[in-house]
Amino acid sequence: MVSGQNFRIIDFAEDTNDLSAISSARTDVNDENCAIIKVYTNLDQLFFETRLGIEGDILQKTGEYWIYVSPREKQLKIIKSGYIPLEYSIPLIVESSKVYKMTLTG
């Protein structure tokens, strides 16, 4: 039996006012503009995986992580030592050049 703390997703939504995916754009292996999932959290030393792959390095800022993902990504796996890994099914269609925000606690 796996034991450890659980992650808790407080919110996940598109941020229509954030243009970071345009001003700090990256493209994926298919030359499509990526979306950014910004994870806002008080947790550190997080690791992330996706089904389609993460493009480039994850940007870590104070209280947030920027994860560049391909359009149509459907899952984000969140990993941290001492926690049960969380495979989060993204509840909407991830679109190119859009920013999505997730609020995460432990």
Protein backbone atom coordinates (compact mmCIF):
# COMPACT_ATOMS: atom_id res chain seq x y z
CA MET A 1 0.00 0.00 0.00
CA VAL A 2 1.30 3.44 -0.94
CA SER A 3 1.16 6.00 1.83
CA GLY A 4 1.87 9.68 1.77
CA GLN A 5 0.23 13.04 1.58
CA ASN A 6 -2.30 13.92 -1.09
CA PHE A 7 -2.26 16.82 -3.51
CA ARG A 8 -5.38 18.96 -3.74
CA ILE A 9 -6.38 20.87 -6.87
CA ILE A 10 -8.27 24.01 -5.82
CA ASP A 11 -8.90 25.41 -9.30
CA PHE A 12 -8.09 24.88 -12.98
CA ALA A 13 -9.19 27.37 -15.63
CA GLU A 14 -8.11 29.27 -18.72
CA ASP A 15 -6.67 32.70 -17.92
CA THR A 16 -7.97 34.80 -20.81
CA ASN A 17 -6.10 37.92 -19.62
CA ASP A 18 -2.65 36.28 -19.56
CA LEU A 19 -0.68 36.60 -22.82
CA SER A 20 2.47 34.79 -21.60
CA ALA A 21 2.02 31.95 -24.10
CA ILE A 22 2.30 34.56 -26.87
CA SER A 23 4.97 36.86 -25.41
CA SER A 24 7.12 33.92 -24.17
CA ALA A 25 6.14 31.45 -26.89
CA ARG A 26 7.58 27.98 -27.47
CA THR A 27 6.71 25.45 -30.15
CA ASP A 28 6.32 21.70 -29.80
CA VAL A 29 7.77 18.92 -31.97
CA ASN A 30 4.96 19.48 -34.51
CA ASP A 31 5.86 23.19 -34.76
CA GLU A 32 2.60 24.19 -33.03
CA ASN A 33 2.60 26.95 -30.42
CA CYS A 34 2.47 25.55 -26.91
CA ALA A 35 0.04 26.38 -24.16
CA ILE A 36 1.30 27.18 -20.67
CA ILE A 37 -0.09 25.61 -17.53
CA LYS A 38 0.84 27.85 -14.61
CA VAL A 39 0.72 25.95 -11.34
CA TYR A 40 0.33 28.25 -8.34
CA THR A 41 1.40 26.52 -5.14
CA ASN A 42 3.23 26.82 -1.84
CA LEU A 43 4.92 23.45 -2.51
CA ASP A 44 8.47 23.19 -3.80
CA GLN A 45 10.49 20.46 -5.50
CA LEU A 46 7.60 19.40 -7.71
CA PHE A 47 8.06 17.33 -10.85
CA PHE A 48 5.63 17.13 -13.75
CA GLU A 49 4.94 14.72 -16.61
CA THR A 50 2.45 14.83 -19.47
CA ARG A 51 1.32 12.33 -22.08
CA LEU A 52 2.47 14.44 -25.04
CA GLY A 53 5.64 15.70 -23.35
CA ILE A 54 6.77 18.95 -21.77
CA GLU A 55 8.46 21.38 -24.16
CA GLY A 56 11.75 22.71 -22.81
CA ASP A 57 12.52 23.39 -19.18
CA ILE A 58 9.83 24.10 -16.62
CA LEU A 59 10.16 27.68 -15.41
CA GLN A 60 10.05 27.90 -11.63
CA LYS A 61 9.23 31.25 -10.08
CA THR A 62 8.30 32.14 -6.51
CA GLY A 63 5.07 30.28 -5.81
CA GLU A 64 4.53 29.09 -9.38
CA TYR A 65 5.68 26.74 -12.12
CA TRP A 66 5.27 27.37 -15.86
CA ILE A 67 4.80 24.15 -17.82
CA TYR A 68 4.79 24.37 -21.62
CA VAL A 69 2.53 21.71 -23.14
CA SER A 70 1.32 20.76 -26.59
CA PRO A 71 -2.19 21.67 -27.71
CA ARG A 72 -4.72 18.96 -26.87
CA GLU A 73 -2.74 17.73 -23.85
CA LYS A 74 -5.14 15.79 -21.63
CA GLN A 75 -3.18 14.93 -18.51
CA LEU A 76 -0.72 16.44 -16.05
CA LYS A 77 1.03 14.17 -13.56
CA ILE A 78 2.28 15.89 -10.40
CA ILE A 79 5.07 14.25 -8.40
CA LYS A 80 6.75 15.16 -5.11
CA SER A 81 8.67 13.08 -2.60
CA GLY A 82 6.41 12.12 0.32
CA TYR A 83 3.23 12.61 -1.73
CA ILE A 84 1.06 10.20 -3.66
CA PRO A 85 1.55 11.07 -7.38
CA LEU A 86 -1.53 12.72 -8.88
CA GLU A 87 -2.58 12.07 -12.47
CA TYR A 88 -4.81 15.07 -13.17
CA SER A 89 -7.18 14.79 -16.13
CA ILE A 90 -7.39 18.26 -17.66
CA PRO A 91 -11.13 19.12 -17.76
CA LEU A 92 -11.05 21.17 -20.96
CA ILE A 93 -9.39 21.17 -24.37
CA VAL A 94 -5.92 22.73 -24.13
CA GLU A 95 -5.46 25.18 -27.00
CA SER A 96 -2.35 26.58 -28.65
CA SER A 97 -1.04 29.92 -27.29
CA LYS A 98 -3.39 29.91 -24.28
CA VAL A 99 -2.55 30.09 -20.58
CA TYR A 100 -4.21 27.90 -17.98
CA LYS A 101 -3.88 28.35 -14.24
CA MET A 102 -3.99 25.65 -11.62
CA THR A 103 -4.03 26.25 -7.88
CA LEU A 104 -2.47 23.33 -6.00
CA THR A 105 -1.99 22.61 -2.29
CA GLY A 106 -0.67 19.66 -0.35
